[in-house]
Amino acid sequence: MEIDWTRVIITIINFIILFLILKHFFFKRVGDTIDKRQEEINSEIKNANENEKKSEELLVKHQKLVANSKQEGKSIVEDYKNKADKVSKGIVDDAQKDAQLILNRAKTEAEREKQKAEDDIKNQVVDLAVLVSSKALESSIDEAQHRKLIKDFIAKVGI
């Protein structure tokens, strides 16, 4: 195998000419395109980092808002619970007052009924005593005197 040096030199010269032509027309454009693309990538990375920082700030802000909302919700619930307790206590107190009034009225009514029953019994005893004594005596004492005597007797005995 023999090397043809003229061919090698011509090939090298052709390669150099081709390289110079490519360098003159295309390398600058390809380099510019690569540089432009690199700048776009760097800009997108910068924007992504800024967006990440903004999202982290918003996340912290929203977490604070959620915490504040929870605290405010708890305080509102506590306020309504206290108000409900007060209303409940007021209702219970009113119910107890009403129950006491009803008991007092019932006692008063029972006392009246008792007094009425006692009066009815006294009147019946007087009537019976008048009847018995009038039959037993069949005398001249009139009924009004007789009733007065029996009432005095009952008052002394305590019926």
Protein backbone atom coordinates (compact mmCIF):
# COMPACT_ATOMS: atom_id res chain seq x y z
CA MET A 1 0.00 0.00 0.00
CA GLU A 2 1.39 3.18 -1.14
CA ILE A 3 0.48 6.67 -0.09
CA ASP A 4 -0.15 9.18 -2.81
CA TRP A 5 1.13 12.35 -1.26
CA THR A 6 -0.31 14.63 -3.85
CA ARG A 7 -3.74 13.32 -3.12
CA VAL A 8 -3.25 13.79 0.61
CA ILE A 9 -2.10 17.37 0.12
CA ILE A 10 -4.98 18.15 -2.25
CA THR A 11 -7.42 16.62 0.25
CA ILE A 12 -5.95 18.70 3.07
CA ILE A 13 -6.16 21.85 0.90
CA ASN A 14 -9.77 21.00 0.02
CA PHE A 15 -10.54 20.44 3.67
CA ILE A 16 -8.99 23.78 4.64
CA ILE A 17 -10.91 25.61 1.87
CA LEU A 18 -14.13 23.88 2.90
CA PHE A 19 -13.43 24.74 6.55
CA LEU A 20 -12.81 28.42 5.71
CA ILE A 21 -15.98 28.62 3.60
CA LEU A 22 -18.03 26.97 6.34
CA LYS A 23 -16.42 29.16 8.96
CA HIS A 24 -17.11 32.32 6.98
CA PHE A 25 -20.76 31.53 6.15
CA PHE A 26 -22.04 29.12 8.79
CA PHE A 27 -19.99 28.98 11.99
CA LYS A 28 -20.89 32.53 13.00
CA ARG A 29 -24.59 31.86 12.42
CA VAL A 30 -24.47 28.53 14.23
CA GLY A 31 -22.50 30.13 17.09
CA ASP A 32 -25.01 33.00 17.26
CA THR A 33 -27.88 30.51 17.31
CA ILE A 34 -26.18 28.50 20.07
CA ASP A 35 -25.45 31.67 22.06
CA LYS A 36 -29.04 32.88 21.57
CA ARG A 37 -30.40 29.52 22.69
CA GLN A 38 -28.05 29.57 25.71
CA GLU A 39 -29.32 33.04 26.65
CA GLU A 40 -32.94 31.84 26.34
CA ILE A 41 -32.19 28.86 28.56
CA ASN A 42 -30.45 31.09 31.12
CA SER A 43 -33.41 33.52 31.01
CA GLU A 44 -35.89 30.67 31.53
CA ILE A 45 -33.83 29.34 34.45
CA LYS A 46 -33.76 32.83 35.95
CA ASN A 47 -37.53 33.19 35.48
CA ALA A 48 -38.08 29.74 36.97
CA ASN A 49 -36.00 30.69 40.03
CA GLU A 50 -37.93 33.95 40.42
CA ASN A 51 -41.24 32.12 40.06
CA GLU A 52 -40.09 29.58 42.63
CA LYS A 53 -39.24 32.36 45.07
CA LYS A 54 -42.61 34.03 44.43
CA SER A 55 -44.45 30.74 44.92
CA GLU A 56 -42.58 30.12 48.17
CA GLU A 57 -43.52 33.63 49.36
CA LEU A 58 -47.14 33.04 48.37
CA LEU A 59 -47.10 29.67 50.11
CA VAL A 60 -45.84 31.25 53.33
CA LYS A 61 -48.42 34.04 52.98
CA HIS A 62 -51.24 31.55 52.43
CA GLN A 63 -50.09 29.41 55.33
CA LYS A 64 -50.23 32.49 57.56
CA LEU A 65 -53.70 33.32 56.23
CA VAL A 66 -54.88 29.77 56.89
CA ALA A 67 -53.45 29.87 60.42
CA ASN A 68 -55.11 33.24 61.05
CA SER A 69 -58.38 31.95 59.64
CA LYS A 70 -58.24 28.90 61.88
CA GLN A 71 -57.56 31.07 64.91
CA GLU A 72 -60.33 33.47 63.97
CA GLY A 73 -62.69 30.53 63.43
CA LYS A 74 -61.83 29.16 66.85
CA SER A 75 -62.48 32.53 68.48
CA ILE A 76 -65.81 32.88 66.65
CA VAL A 77 -66.84 29.38 67.74
CA GLU A 78 -65.78 30.16 71.31
CA ASP A 79 -67.78 33.41 71.27
CA TYR A 80 -70.89 31.65 70.00
CA LYS A 81 -70.39 28.89 72.55
CA ASN A 82 -70.24 31.48 75.34
CA LYS A 83 -73.33 33.22 73.98
CA ALA A 84 -75.15 29.90 73.74
CA ASP A 85 -74.16 29.07 77.31
CA LYS A 86 -75.53 32.42 78.49
CA VAL A 87 -78.78 31.93 76.59
CA SER A 88 -79.06 28.38 77.89
CA LYS A 89 -78.45 29.55 81.45
CA GLY A 90 -81.06 32.28 81.00
CA ILE A 91 -83.59 29.77 79.70
CA VAL A 92 -82.88 27.39 82.59
CA ASP A 93 -83.19 30.24 85.11
CA ASP A 94 -86.49 31.35 83.57
CA ALA A 95 -87.75 27.77 83.63
CA GLN A 96 -86.79 27.43 87.29
CA LYS A 97 -88.56 30.69 88.12
CA ASP A 98 -91.65 29.54 86.25
CA ALA A 99 -91.52 26.17 88.01
CA GLN A 100 -91.24 27.91 91.38
CA LEU A 101 -94.22 30.12 90.53
CA ILE A 102 -96.23 27.08 89.51
CA LEU A 103 -95.29 25.32 92.76
CA ASN A 104 -96.27 28.38 94.80
CA ARG A 105 -99.60 28.63 92.98
CA ALA A 106 -100.21 24.92 93.48
CA LYS A 107 -99.43 25.23 97.19
CA THR A 108 -101.74 28.23 97.49
CA GLU A 109 -104.49 26.41 95.61
CA ALA A 110 -104.00 23.30 97.73
CA GLU A 111 -104.20 25.46 100.85
CA ARG A 112 -107.43 27.04 99.59
CA GLU A 113 -108.88 23.63 98.77
CA LYS A 114 -107.87 22.37 102.21
CA GLN A 115 -109.47 25.40 103.88
CA LYS A 116 -112.60 24.96 101.77
CA ALA A 117 -112.76 21.26 102.67
CA GLU A 118 -112.33 22.11 106.36
CA ASP A 119 -115.07 24.73 106.10
CA ASP A 120 -117.34 22.25 104.35
CA ILE A 121 -116.67 19.64 107.05
CA LYS A 122 -117.34 22.20 109.80
CA ASN A 123 -120.60 23.20 108.16
CA GLN A 124 -121.60 19.56 107.79
CA VAL A 125 -120.66 18.87 111.43
CA VAL A 126 -122.69 21.91 112.50
CA ASP A 127 -125.65 20.78 110.42
CA LEU A 128 -125.41 17.25 111.82
CA ALA A 129 -124.99 18.54 115.36
CA VAL A 130 -128.01 20.82 114.94
CA LEU A 131 -130.02 17.96 113.56
CA VAL A 132 -128.95 15.56 116.29
CA SER A 133 -129.38 18.05 119.07
CA SER A 134 -132.70 19.27 117.78
CA LYS A 135 -133.97 15.72 117.66
CA ALA A 136 -132.51 14.96 121.02
CA LEU A 137 -133.73 18.07 122.72
CA GLU A 138 -136.78 18.86 120.76
CA SER A 139 -136.84 21.90 122.87
CA SER A 140 -137.42 25.55 122.50
CA ILE A 141 -133.92 26.70 121.44
CA ASP A 142 -134.14 28.25 118.06
CA GLU A 143 -131.86 27.17 115.27
CA ALA A 144 -129.65 30.33 115.21
CA GLN A 145 -128.82 29.98 118.93
CA HIS A 146 -128.26 26.31 118.45
CA ARG A 147 -125.82 26.93 115.58
CA LYS A 148 -123.95 29.52 117.64
CA LEU A 149 -123.52 27.08 120.49
CA ILE A 150 -122.24 24.36 118.16
CA LYS A 151 -119.81 26.70 116.44
CA ASP A 152 -118.42 27.79 119.80
CA PHE A 153 -118.07 24.15 120.77
CA ILE A 154 -116.26 23.32 117.51
CA ALA A 155 -113.96 26.32 117.91
CA LYS A 156 -113.04 25.16 121.43
CA VAL A 157 -112.52 21.55 120.29
CA GLY A 158 -110.57 22.64 117.19
CA ILE A 159 -112.20 20.76 114.34
